[in-house]
Structure formats: structure tokens, C-alpha cells
Amino acid sequence: MSYLIVGGRLLVAGIFLLSLFGKVRSAAQFRRFVAATAGLLAVRPRWARPLALATVGAEATIVALALAPVGPVAGFVLAGALLTCFTVALVRARRRADQVACHCFGQSQVPVGHRHVVRNVVLIFVVLLLAAAAVATTAGPVDPAGVAVAALVAVPTALAIAHLDDVVDVLRPSSRK
């Protein structure tokens, strides 16, 4: 098995696990996510809870599929589909000029911006490339050292993606003099 696929599986599982945990780590956090879902999608509150539950269900399924030994293609494809739905929601919110926070990885006060859309488009491209590579690659033995190296790349990358707003804030030049 290609270490690219191993790293991709760990990256996708990490991103969606962090996203899932950020939404369900407490009852209060899930309530905030439901409220953010209503605002982001501009739906009535009664529709927000089922949509939020479907989101966390899909994210949990992606994590399970990405880590399942039978093959990651379904996980990559589902991740691409869910990311596409997320991206459409983000673009629609931007077009409405709503100042709603994403809550993609839990509580965030940062309004949806271009960076969130670009992040998702890049991730869609990555998971589709990973799906194609997984289809084209035959499974084979893996060396634990290769898996460790793949994890050393995937884990910090997933963390950086999950904390994109913080990374941007740190890298943005300060306006204070």
C-alpha cells in the first residue's frame, strides 16, 4: 500500500475527527453548533438539529471508513461529497453577506470568509486525488516506520487545518505600532 494513501487516510480521519469532536464535545457545544447550522444554512431552527445530526453522523462515518482496513475509497468519496456540501453552504452564506461563524471545528467567532471556502476546495481536491490514487494502488504490506512518517506529516497537517483561523491570525502582520 502506498504511504501516500496511508497518510491520506490519517489526514482525512484526523480532520473529520477534530471536526466531530469540536461539535459534540459537550451538550452546550452541540447546541451552539445547531444554532450555527441554522444561521449558516439560513434554515428554520427546527430543521437545524436534524441537519446538525446528519453532519456529525456523516463525519463519524468518514472517520470509520478512512481507518477501516477494507479500503479508504468510500471514505475519501464521502469526505469529498460532505466537503462539497459544506463549501456550497459557505459560499451561499458569503453571498447573503451573513456574518455567521463557521463552527466547522467547534466554537468559532470568525465569520465565514474566503479562507474557509479555499480550505474546503483544496480539501475536496486532495480527497478526490486520494480516492483516485487508492483505486489505482494495490494493497500491500506496510512498514511501521513508513506509517510513523506518514502520521508525522498527517497529524500536524490536520491540526493546522482545524486551527486555520488561529494560523491565519498568527501569520497576519500586526496592525499595531
N, C-alpha and C. Protein backbone atom coordinates (compact mmCIF):
# COMPACT_ATOMS: atom_id res chain seq x y z
N MET A 1 0.85 -1.18 0.00
CA MET A 1 0.00 0.00 0.00
C MET A 1 0.89 1.23 0.00
N SER A 2 0.50 2.21 -0.74
CA SER A 2 1.25 3.46 -0.84
C SER A 2 1.18 4.24 0.46
N TYR A 3 2.30 4.79 0.85
CA TYR A 3 2.31 5.61 2.07
C TYR A 3 1.56 6.92 1.87
N LEU A 4 1.39 7.32 0.61
CA LEU A 4 0.53 8.47 0.32
C LEU A 4 -0.90 8.16 0.77
N ILE A 5 -1.36 6.96 0.48
CA ILE A 5 -2.71 6.56 0.89
C ILE A 5 -2.79 6.44 2.40
N VAL A 6 -1.77 5.88 3.03
CA VAL A 6 -1.74 5.78 4.49
C VAL A 6 -1.82 7.17 5.11
N GLY A 7 -0.99 8.07 4.63
CA GLY A 7 -1.01 9.44 5.13
C GLY A 7 -2.34 10.13 4.86
N GLY A 8 -2.90 9.90 3.69
CA GLY A 8 -4.19 10.47 3.34
C GLY A 8 -5.30 9.96 4.24
N ARG A 9 -5.26 8.67 4.55
CA ARG A 9 -6.26 8.10 5.46
C ARG A 9 -6.16 8.75 6.83
N LEU A 10 -4.93 8.90 7.31
CA LEU A 10 -4.73 9.52 8.62
C LEU A 10 -5.13 11.00 8.60
N LEU A 11 -4.82 11.68 7.52
CA LEU A 11 -5.19 13.09 7.40
C LEU A 11 -6.71 13.27 7.41
N VAL A 12 -7.40 12.51 6.57
CA VAL A 12 -8.86 12.61 6.49
C VAL A 12 -9.50 12.23 7.82
N ALA A 13 -9.03 11.12 8.40
CA ALA A 13 -9.57 10.71 9.70
C ALA A 13 -9.32 11.79 10.75
N GLY A 14 -8.13 12.36 10.75
CA GLY A 14 -7.80 13.40 11.72
C GLY A 14 -8.64 14.65 11.56
N ILE A 15 -8.79 15.12 10.33
CA ILE A 15 -9.59 16.32 10.08
C ILE A 15 -11.03 16.13 10.54
N PHE A 16 -11.62 15.02 10.14
CA PHE A 16 -13.03 14.81 10.48
C PHE A 16 -13.22 14.42 11.94
N LEU A 17 -12.23 13.80 12.55
CA LEU A 17 -12.32 13.52 13.98
C LEU A 17 -12.25 14.81 14.79
N LEU A 18 -11.35 15.70 14.42
CA LEU A 18 -11.27 17.00 15.09
C LEU A 18 -12.55 17.81 14.88
N SER A 19 -13.09 17.76 13.68
CA SER A 19 -14.33 18.46 13.39
C SER A 19 -15.48 17.89 14.22
N LEU A 20 -15.57 16.58 14.25
CA LEU A 20 -16.62 15.91 15.02
C LEU A 20 -16.50 16.22 16.51
N PHE A 21 -15.30 16.09 17.05
CA PHE A 21 -15.08 16.36 18.46
C PHE A 21 -15.42 17.81 18.81
N GLY A 22 -15.07 18.73 17.94
CA GLY A 22 -15.37 20.14 18.19
C GLY A 22 -16.87 20.42 18.27
N LYS A 23 -17.65 19.61 17.60
CA LYS A 23 -19.10 19.81 17.59
C LYS A 23 -19.82 19.10 18.73
N VAL A 24 -19.29 17.98 19.19
CA VAL A 24 -20.03 17.15 20.16
C VAL A 24 -19.31 16.97 21.49
N ARG A 25 -18.30 17.75 21.76
CA ARG A 25 -17.53 17.55 22.99
C ARG A 25 -18.33 17.85 24.25
N SER A 26 -19.44 18.58 24.10
CA SER A 26 -20.34 18.82 25.22
C SER A 26 -21.72 19.12 24.66
N ALA A 27 -22.73 19.00 25.52
CA ALA A 27 -24.09 19.31 25.09
C ALA A 27 -24.20 20.78 24.70
N ALA A 28 -23.56 21.65 25.46
CA ALA A 28 -23.60 23.08 25.15
C ALA A 28 -22.94 23.36 23.80
N GLN A 29 -21.82 22.69 23.53
CA GLN A 29 -21.14 22.89 22.25
C GLN A 29 -22.02 22.41 21.10
N PHE A 30 -22.71 21.28 21.28
CA PHE A 30 -23.59 20.80 20.22
C PHE A 30 -24.75 21.78 20.00
N ARG A 31 -25.30 22.34 21.06
CA ARG A 31 -26.37 23.34 20.91
C ARG A 31 -25.86 24.55 20.12
N ARG A 32 -24.63 24.98 20.38
CA ARG A 32 -24.05 26.10 19.63
C ARG A 32 -23.87 25.72 18.15
N PHE A 33 -23.49 24.47 17.92
CA PHE A 33 -23.34 24.01 16.54
C PHE A 33 -24.70 23.99 15.83
N VAL A 34 -25.74 23.54 16.51
CA VAL A 34 -27.08 23.53 15.93
C VAL A 34 -27.49 24.96 15.58
N ALA A 35 -27.26 25.90 16.49
CA ALA A 35 -27.60 27.31 16.23
C ALA A 35 -26.78 27.84 15.05
N ALA A 36 -25.50 27.48 15.00
CA ALA A 36 -24.65 27.92 13.88
C ALA A 36 -25.13 27.31 12.57
N THR A 37 -25.60 26.08 12.61
CA THR A 37 -26.13 25.43 11.42
C THR A 37 -27.34 26.19 10.89
N ALA A 38 -28.23 26.60 11.79
CA ALA A 38 -29.40 27.37 11.37
C ALA A 38 -28.98 28.68 10.71
N GLY A 39 -28.00 29.36 11.31
CA GLY A 39 -27.54 30.62 10.75
C GLY A 39 -26.79 30.45 9.44
N LEU A 40 -25.93 29.45 9.39
CA LEU A 40 -25.13 29.23 8.20
C LEU A 40 -25.98 28.83 7.00
N LEU A 41 -26.96 27.96 7.25
CA LEU A 41 -27.80 27.47 6.16
C LEU A 41 -29.05 28.31 5.94
N ALA A 42 -29.28 29.27 6.84
CA ALA A 42 -30.47 30.12 6.77
C ALA A 42 -31.74 29.26 6.74
N VAL A 43 -31.80 28.32 7.67
CA VAL A 43 -32.97 27.45 7.80
C VAL A 43 -33.65 27.72 9.13
N ARG A 44 -34.87 27.28 9.22
CA ARG A 44 -35.60 27.40 10.48
C ARG A 44 -34.93 26.54 11.54
N PRO A 45 -35.00 26.99 12.78
CA PRO A 45 -34.35 26.24 13.86
C PRO A 45 -34.79 24.77 13.95
N ARG A 46 -36.03 24.48 13.60
CA ARG A 46 -36.49 23.09 13.71
C ARG A 46 -35.78 22.17 12.72
N TRP A 47 -35.25 22.73 11.61
CA TRP A 47 -34.50 21.94 10.64
C TRP A 47 -33.02 21.85 10.98
N ALA A 48 -32.56 22.75 11.80
CA ALA A 48 -31.13 22.81 12.10
C ALA A 48 -30.65 21.57 12.86
N ARG A 49 -31.42 21.11 13.83
CA ARG A 49 -30.98 19.95 14.62
C ARG A 49 -30.84 18.69 13.76
N PRO A 50 -31.84 18.33 12.92
CA PRO A 50 -31.63 17.14 12.06
C PRO A 50 -30.45 17.30 11.11
N LEU A 51 -30.25 18.51 10.59
CA LEU A 51 -29.11 18.74 9.70
C LEU A 51 -27.79 18.62 10.46
N ALA A 52 -27.75 19.13 11.68
CA ALA A 52 -26.55 19.01 12.51
C ALA A 52 -26.28 17.56 12.85
N LEU A 53 -27.31 16.81 13.18
CA LEU A 53 -27.14 15.37 13.48
C LEU A 53 -26.65 14.61 12.25
N ALA A 54 -27.19 14.94 11.08
CA ALA A 54 -26.72 14.30 9.85
C ALA A 54 -25.25 14.62 9.59
N THR A 55 -24.86 15.85 9.89
CA THR A 55 -23.47 16.25 9.71
C THR A 55 -22.54 15.43 10.59
N VAL A 56 -22.86 15.34 11.89
CA VAL A 56 -21.96 14.59 12.78
C VAL A 56 -21.99 13.11 12.45
N GLY A 57 -23.13 12.60 11.98
CA GLY A 57 -23.19 11.20 11.55
C GLY A 57 -22.30 10.95 10.35
N ALA A 58 -22.35 11.86 9.39
CA ALA A 58 -21.50 11.73 8.20
C ALA A 58 -20.02 11.83 8.56
N GLU A 59 -19.70 12.75 9.47
CA GLU A 59 -18.30 12.89 9.88
C GLU A 59 -17.80 11.63 10.59
N ALA A 60 -18.62 11.07 11.46
CA ALA A 60 -18.22 9.83 12.15
C ALA A 60 -18.05 8.68 11.15
N THR A 61 -18.91 8.63 10.15
CA THR A 61 -18.79 7.60 9.12
C THR A 61 -17.51 7.77 8.32
N ILE A 62 -17.15 9.00 8.01
CA ILE A 62 -15.92 9.26 7.26
C ILE A 62 -14.71 8.80 8.07
N VAL A 63 -14.68 9.10 9.35
CA VAL A 63 -13.56 8.66 10.20
C VAL A 63 -13.47 7.14 10.18
N ALA A 64 -14.59 6.47 10.37
CA ALA A 64 -14.60 5.00 10.38
C ALA A 64 -14.13 4.43 9.05
N LEU A 65 -14.64 4.99 7.95
CA LEU A 65 -14.25 4.48 6.63
C LEU A 65 -12.78 4.76 6.32
N ALA A 66 -12.29 5.92 6.72
CA ALA A 66 -10.89 6.25 6.45
C ALA A 66 -9.94 5.31 7.18
N LEU A 67 -10.35 4.84 8.35
CA LEU A 67 -9.49 3.96 9.14
C LEU A 67 -9.78 2.48 8.96
N ALA A 68 -10.87 2.15 8.27
CA ALA A 68 -11.25 0.74 8.08
C ALA A 68 -10.21 0.02 7.22
N PRO A 69 -9.90 -1.21 7.56
CA PRO A 69 -8.88 -1.94 6.81
C PRO A 69 -9.32 -2.37 5.41
N VAL A 70 -10.60 -2.29 5.10
CA VAL A 70 -11.09 -2.79 3.82
C VAL A 70 -10.85 -1.85 2.66
N GLY A 71 -10.45 -0.64 2.92
CA GLY A 71 -10.15 0.29 1.84
C GLY A 71 -10.77 1.64 2.09
N PRO A 72 -10.03 2.67 1.75
CA PRO A 72 -10.45 4.03 2.09
C PRO A 72 -11.25 4.76 1.01
N VAL A 73 -11.45 4.15 -0.15
CA VAL A 73 -12.06 4.87 -1.26
C VAL A 73 -13.41 5.46 -0.87
N ALA A 74 -14.26 4.66 -0.24
CA ALA A 74 -15.59 5.16 0.15
C ALA A 74 -15.46 6.34 1.12
N GLY A 75 -14.51 6.28 2.03
CA GLY A 75 -14.29 7.38 2.97
C GLY A 75 -13.84 8.64 2.26
N PHE A 76 -12.95 8.50 1.29
CA PHE A 76 -12.48 9.66 0.54
C PHE A 76 -13.63 10.27 -0.28
N VAL A 77 -14.43 9.42 -0.91
CA VAL A 77 -15.54 9.91 -1.72
C VAL A 77 -16.59 10.60 -0.85
N LEU A 78 -16.93 9.99 0.29
CA LEU A 78 -17.90 10.62 1.21
C LEU A 78 -17.34 11.93 1.74
N ALA A 79 -16.05 11.97 2.05
CA ALA A 79 -15.43 13.22 2.52
C ALA A 79 -15.55 14.29 1.44
N GLY A 80 -15.30 13.93 0.20
CA GLY A 80 -15.43 14.90 -0.89
C GLY A 80 -16.86 15.40 -1.04
N ALA A 81 -17.82 14.50 -0.91
CA ALA A 81 -19.23 14.90 -1.01
C ALA A 81 -19.63 15.83 0.13
N LEU A 82 -19.23 15.47 1.36
CA LEU A 82 -19.58 16.31 2.51
C LEU A 82 -18.89 17.67 2.43
N LEU A 83 -17.63 17.67 2.04
CA LEU A 83 -16.92 18.94 1.88
C LEU A 83 -17.56 19.81 0.80
N THR A 84 -18.07 19.19 -0.24
CA THR A 84 -18.77 19.94 -1.28
C THR A 84 -20.03 20.59 -0.71
N CYS A 85 -20.78 19.83 0.09
CA CYS A 85 -21.98 20.41 0.75
C CYS A 85 -21.58 21.57 1.65
N PHE A 86 -20.52 21.37 2.44
CA PHE A 86 -20.04 22.44 3.32
C PHE A 86 -19.66 23.67 2.51
N THR A 87 -18.97 23.46 1.40
CA THR A 87 -18.50 24.58 0.58
C THR A 87 -19.66 25.36 -0.02
N VAL A 88 -20.67 24.63 -0.49
CA VAL A 88 -21.86 25.30 -1.02
C VAL A 88 -22.51 26.15 0.07
N ALA A 89 -22.62 25.60 1.27
CA ALA A 89 -23.22 26.36 2.39
C ALA A 89 -22.39 27.60 2.70
N LEU A 90 -21.07 27.47 2.69
CA LEU A 90 -20.21 28.62 2.97
C LEU A 90 -20.35 29.70 1.90
N VAL A 91 -20.36 29.28 0.64
CA VAL A 91 -20.49 30.24 -0.46
C VAL A 91 -21.84 30.95 -0.39
N ARG A 92 -22.90 30.20 -0.12
CA ARG A 92 -24.23 30.81 -0.01
C ARG A 92 -24.28 31.83 1.14
N ALA A 93 -23.66 31.48 2.26
CA ALA A 93 -23.63 32.42 3.40
C ALA A 93 -22.86 33.69 3.02
N ARG A 94 -21.75 33.52 2.31
CA ARG A 94 -20.97 34.68 1.88
C ARG A 94 -21.78 35.55 0.92
N ARG A 95 -22.51 34.92 0.01
CA ARG A 95 -23.32 35.69 -0.95
C ARG A 95 -24.45 36.45 -0.26
N ARG A 96 -24.96 35.87 0.81
CA ARG A 96 -26.01 36.57 1.58
C ARG A 96 -25.40 37.67 2.44
N ALA A 97 -24.09 37.71 2.50
CA ALA A 97 -23.35 38.67 3.33
C ALA A 97 -23.67 38.49 4.80
N ASP A 98 -24.02 37.25 5.17
CA ASP A 98 -24.27 36.95 6.58
C ASP A 98 -22.95 36.91 7.34
N GLN A 99 -22.95 37.46 8.50
CA GLN A 99 -21.77 37.44 9.36
C GLN A 99 -21.89 36.28 10.35
N VAL A 100 -22.05 35.06 9.81
CA VAL A 100 -22.17 33.88 10.66
C VAL A 100 -20.83 33.19 10.76
N ALA A 101 -20.60 32.59 11.91
CA ALA A 101 -19.36 31.85 12.12
C ALA A 101 -19.52 30.45 11.56
N CYS A 102 -18.41 29.88 11.16
CA CYS A 102 -18.41 28.57 10.51
C CYS A 102 -18.72 27.43 11.48
N HIS A 103 -18.10 27.41 12.64
CA HIS A 103 -18.23 26.31 13.59
C HIS A 103 -17.82 24.98 12.96
N CYS A 104 -16.98 25.03 11.96
CA CYS A 104 -16.54 23.82 11.26
C CYS A 104 -15.80 22.87 12.20
N PHE A 105 -15.03 23.44 13.10
CA PHE A 105 -14.26 22.62 14.03
C PHE A 105 -14.62 22.94 15.47
N GLY A 106 -15.84 23.38 15.68
CA GLY A 106 -16.26 23.72 17.03
C GLY A 106 -16.55 25.20 17.12
N GLN A 107 -16.41 25.72 18.31
CA GLN A 107 -16.76 27.12 18.55
C GLN A 107 -15.78 28.05 17.85
N SER A 108 -16.33 28.96 17.08
CA SER A 108 -15.53 29.97 16.40
C SER A 108 -16.35 31.24 16.31
N GLN A 109 -15.70 32.35 16.50
CA GLN A 109 -16.37 33.64 16.37
C GLN A 109 -16.02 34.30 15.04
N VAL A 110 -15.14 33.67 14.26
CA VAL A 110 -14.70 34.24 12.99
C VAL A 110 -15.79 34.03 11.94
N PRO A 111 -16.28 35.12 11.33
CA PRO A 111 -17.30 34.96 10.28
C PRO A 111 -16.75 34.17 9.10
N VAL A 112 -17.64 33.50 8.42
CA VAL A 112 -17.27 32.74 7.22
C VAL A 112 -16.57 33.67 6.25
N GLY A 113 -15.44 33.21 5.75
CA GLY A 113 -14.66 34.02 4.82
C GLY A 113 -14.12 33.21 3.67
N HIS A 114 -13.39 33.90 2.81
CA HIS A 114 -12.80 33.23 1.65
C HIS A 114 -11.87 32.10 2.08
N ARG A 115 -11.16 32.30 3.18
CA ARG A 115 -10.21 31.27 3.62
C ARG A 115 -10.91 29.94 3.88
N HIS A 116 -12.15 29.98 4.39
CA HIS A 116 -12.88 28.75 4.67
C HIS A 116 -13.29 28.04 3.37
N VAL A 117 -13.69 28.85 2.40
CA VAL A 117 -14.06 28.29 1.10
C VAL A 117 -12.83 27.69 0.42
N VAL A 118 -11.73 28.44 0.42
CA VAL A 118 -10.49 27.95 -0.20
C VAL A 118 -10.01 26.67 0.49
N ARG A 119 -10.05 26.66 1.83
CA ARG A 119 -9.66 25.46 2.58
C ARG A 119 -10.46 24.26 2.10
N ASN A 120 -11.77 24.42 1.98
CA ASN A 120 -12.61 23.30 1.58
C ASN A 120 -12.37 22.87 0.14
N VAL A 121 -12.17 23.82 -0.75
CA VAL A 121 -11.90 23.48 -2.15
C VAL A 121 -10.59 22.70 -2.25
N VAL A 122 -9.57 23.13 -1.52
CA VAL A 122 -8.30 22.40 -1.52
C VAL A 122 -8.51 20.99 -0.96
N LEU A 123 -9.27 20.88 0.12
CA LEU A 123 -9.52 19.55 0.71
C LEU A 123 -10.32 18.66 -0.24
N ILE A 124 -11.27 19.22 -0.97
CA ILE A 124 -12.02 18.43 -1.96
C ILE A 124 -11.06 17.88 -2.99
N PHE A 125 -10.20 18.74 -3.50
CA PHE A 125 -9.20 18.31 -4.48
C PHE A 125 -8.32 17.20 -3.92
N VAL A 126 -7.86 17.36 -2.68
CA VAL A 126 -6.99 16.36 -2.05
C VAL A 126 -7.70 15.02 -1.90
N VAL A 127 -8.94 15.03 -1.39
CA VAL A 127 -9.61 13.74 -1.17
C VAL A 127 -9.96 13.07 -2.49
N LEU A 128 -10.26 13.84 -3.52
CA LEU A 128 -10.53 13.21 -4.81
C LEU A 128 -9.26 12.62 -5.41
N LEU A 129 -8.13 13.30 -5.25
CA LEU A 129 -6.85 12.72 -5.68
C LEU A 129 -6.53 11.45 -4.88
N LEU A 130 -6.79 11.49 -3.58
CA LEU A 130 -6.55 10.31 -2.75
C LEU A 130 -7.44 9.15 -3.17
N ALA A 131 -8.70 9.44 -3.49
CA ALA A 131 -9.61 8.38 -3.94
C ALA A 131 -9.09 7.75 -5.23
N ALA A 132 -8.66 8.60 -6.18
CA ALA A 132 -8.13 8.08 -7.44
C ALA A 132 -6.87 7.27 -7.20
N ALA A 133 -5.99 7.76 -6.33
CA ALA A 133 -4.76 7.02 -6.02
C ALA A 133 -5.08 5.70 -5.33
N ALA A 134 -6.08 5.69 -4.46
CA ALA A 134 -6.44 4.45 -3.76
C ALA A 134 -7.01 3.41 -4.73
N VAL A 135 -7.75 3.88 -5.72
CA VAL A 135 -8.29 2.95 -6.73
C VAL A 135 -7.15 2.38 -7.57
N ALA A 136 -6.16 3.20 -7.88
CA ALA A 136 -5.06 2.78 -8.75
C ALA A 136 -3.98 2.00 -8.02
N THR A 137 -4.01 1.98 -6.69
CA THR A 137 -2.94 1.35 -5.91
C THR A 137 -3.43 0.02 -5.36
N THR A 138 -2.58 -0.98 -5.47
CA THR A 138 -2.91 -2.27 -4.88
C THR A 138 -2.41 -2.32 -3.45
N ALA A 139 -3.19 -2.94 -2.60
CA ALA A 139 -2.81 -3.06 -1.19
C ALA A 139 -1.60 -3.96 -1.06
N GLY A 140 -0.78 -3.63 -0.13
CA GLY A 140 0.41 -4.43 0.12
C GLY A 140 0.87 -4.24 1.54
N PRO A 141 1.93 -4.87 1.92
CA PRO A 141 2.41 -4.73 3.30
C PRO A 141 2.93 -3.32 3.55
N VAL A 142 2.82 -2.91 4.80
CA VAL A 142 3.34 -1.60 5.18
C VAL A 142 4.39 -1.77 6.26
N ASP A 143 5.36 -0.92 6.20
CA ASP A 143 6.42 -0.89 7.20
C ASP A 143 6.00 0.06 8.30
N PRO A 144 6.08 -0.33 9.57
CA PRO A 144 5.69 0.57 10.65
C PRO A 144 6.42 1.92 10.62
N ALA A 145 7.65 1.93 10.18
CA ALA A 145 8.39 3.19 10.09
C ALA A 145 7.76 4.11 9.05
N GLY A 146 7.31 3.55 7.95
CA GLY A 146 6.64 4.34 6.93
C GLY A 146 5.32 4.91 7.42
N VAL A 147 4.59 4.12 8.19
CA VAL A 147 3.34 4.58 8.78
C VAL A 147 3.62 5.72 9.76
N ALA A 148 4.68 5.58 10.54
CA ALA A 148 5.05 6.61 11.51
C ALA A 148 5.38 7.93 10.80
N VAL A 149 6.11 7.84 9.71
CA VAL A 149 6.45 9.05 8.94
C VAL A 149 5.18 9.67 8.36
N ALA A 150 4.29 8.84 7.83
CA ALA A 150 3.02 9.35 7.30
C ALA A 150 2.22 10.04 8.40
N ALA A 151 2.21 9.47 9.59
CA ALA A 151 1.49 10.07 10.73
C ALA A 151 2.15 11.39 11.15
N LEU A 152 3.48 11.45 11.09
CA LEU A 152 4.18 12.69 11.46
C LEU A 152 3.87 13.84 10.50
N VAL A 153 3.44 13.51 9.31
CA VAL A 153 3.02 14.54 8.36
C VAL A 153 1.52 14.81 8.50
N ALA A 154 0.73 13.75 8.60
CA ALA A 154 -0.74 13.88 8.60
C ALA A 154 -1.28 14.57 9.84
N VAL A 155 -0.78 14.20 11.01
CA VAL A 155 -1.35 14.73 12.26
C VAL A 155 -1.15 16.24 12.38
N PRO A 156 0.06 16.77 12.22
CA PRO A 156 0.19 18.23 12.32
C PRO A 156 -0.56 18.97 11.20
N THR A 157 -0.65 18.35 10.03
CA THR A 157 -1.40 18.97 8.94
C THR A 157 -2.88 19.06 9.30
N ALA A 158 -3.44 17.99 9.85
CA ALA A 158 -4.85 18.00 10.29
C ALA A 158 -5.06 19.06 11.36
N LEU A 159 -4.15 19.16 12.30
CA LEU A 159 -4.26 20.17 13.36
C LEU A 159 -4.19 21.58 12.79
N ALA A 160 -3.30 21.81 11.84
CA ALA A 160 -3.19 23.13 11.23
C ALA A 160 -4.46 23.50 10.46
N ILE A 161 -5.04 22.52 9.78
CA ILE A 161 -6.28 22.76 9.04
C ILE A 161 -7.41 23.07 10.01
N ALA A 162 -7.47 22.32 11.10
CA ALA A 162 -8.54 22.53 12.09
C ALA A 162 -8.41 23.89 12.78
N HIS A 163 -7.21 24.39 12.87
CA HIS A 163 -6.97 25.67 13.53
C HIS A 163 -6.58 26.75 12.53
N LEU A 164 -7.16 26.68 11.35
CA LEU A 164 -6.83 27.62 10.27
C LEU A 164 -6.98 29.07 10.70
N ASP A 165 -8.06 29.39 11.39
CA ASP A 165 -8.27 30.78 11.80
C ASP A 165 -7.14 31.25 12.72
N ASP A 166 -6.70 30.40 13.63
CA ASP A 166 -5.60 30.75 14.53
C ASP A 166 -4.29 30.90 13.75
N VAL A 167 -4.06 30.01 12.80
CA VAL A 167 -2.84 30.08 11.99
C VAL A 167 -2.81 31.38 11.20
N VAL A 168 -3.94 31.74 10.61
CA VAL A 168 -4.02 32.99 9.85
C VAL A 168 -3.78 34.18 10.76
N ASP A 169 -4.36 34.17 11.95
CA ASP A 169 -4.17 35.28 12.90
C ASP A 169 -2.71 35.43 13.30
N VAL A 170 -2.03 34.32 13.51
CA VAL A 170 -0.62 34.36 13.89
C VAL A 170 0.25 34.89 12.75
N LEU A 171 -0.07 34.48 11.53
CA LEU A 171 0.76 34.85 10.37
C LEU A 171 0.43 36.23 9.81
N ARG A 172 -0.73 36.76 10.17
CA ARG A 172 -1.13 38.08 9.65
C ARG A 172 -0.28 39.16 10.31
N PRO A 173 0.21 40.09 9.51
CA PRO A 173 1.00 41.18 10.10
C PRO A 173 0.15 41.99 11.09
N SER A 174 0.75 42.35 12.16
CA SER A 174 0.05 43.12 13.19
C SER A 174 -0.16 44.55 12.70
N SER A 175 -1.34 45.10 13.00
CA SER A 175 -1.62 46.48 12.60
C SER A 175 -1.22 47.46 13.71
N ARG A 176 -0.79 46.93 14.85
CA ARG A 176 -0.35 47.79 15.98
C ARG A 176 1.05 48.30 15.72
N LYS A 177 1.28 49.53 16.16
CA LYS A 177 2.63 50.10 16.00
C LYS A 177 3.17 50.48 17.33
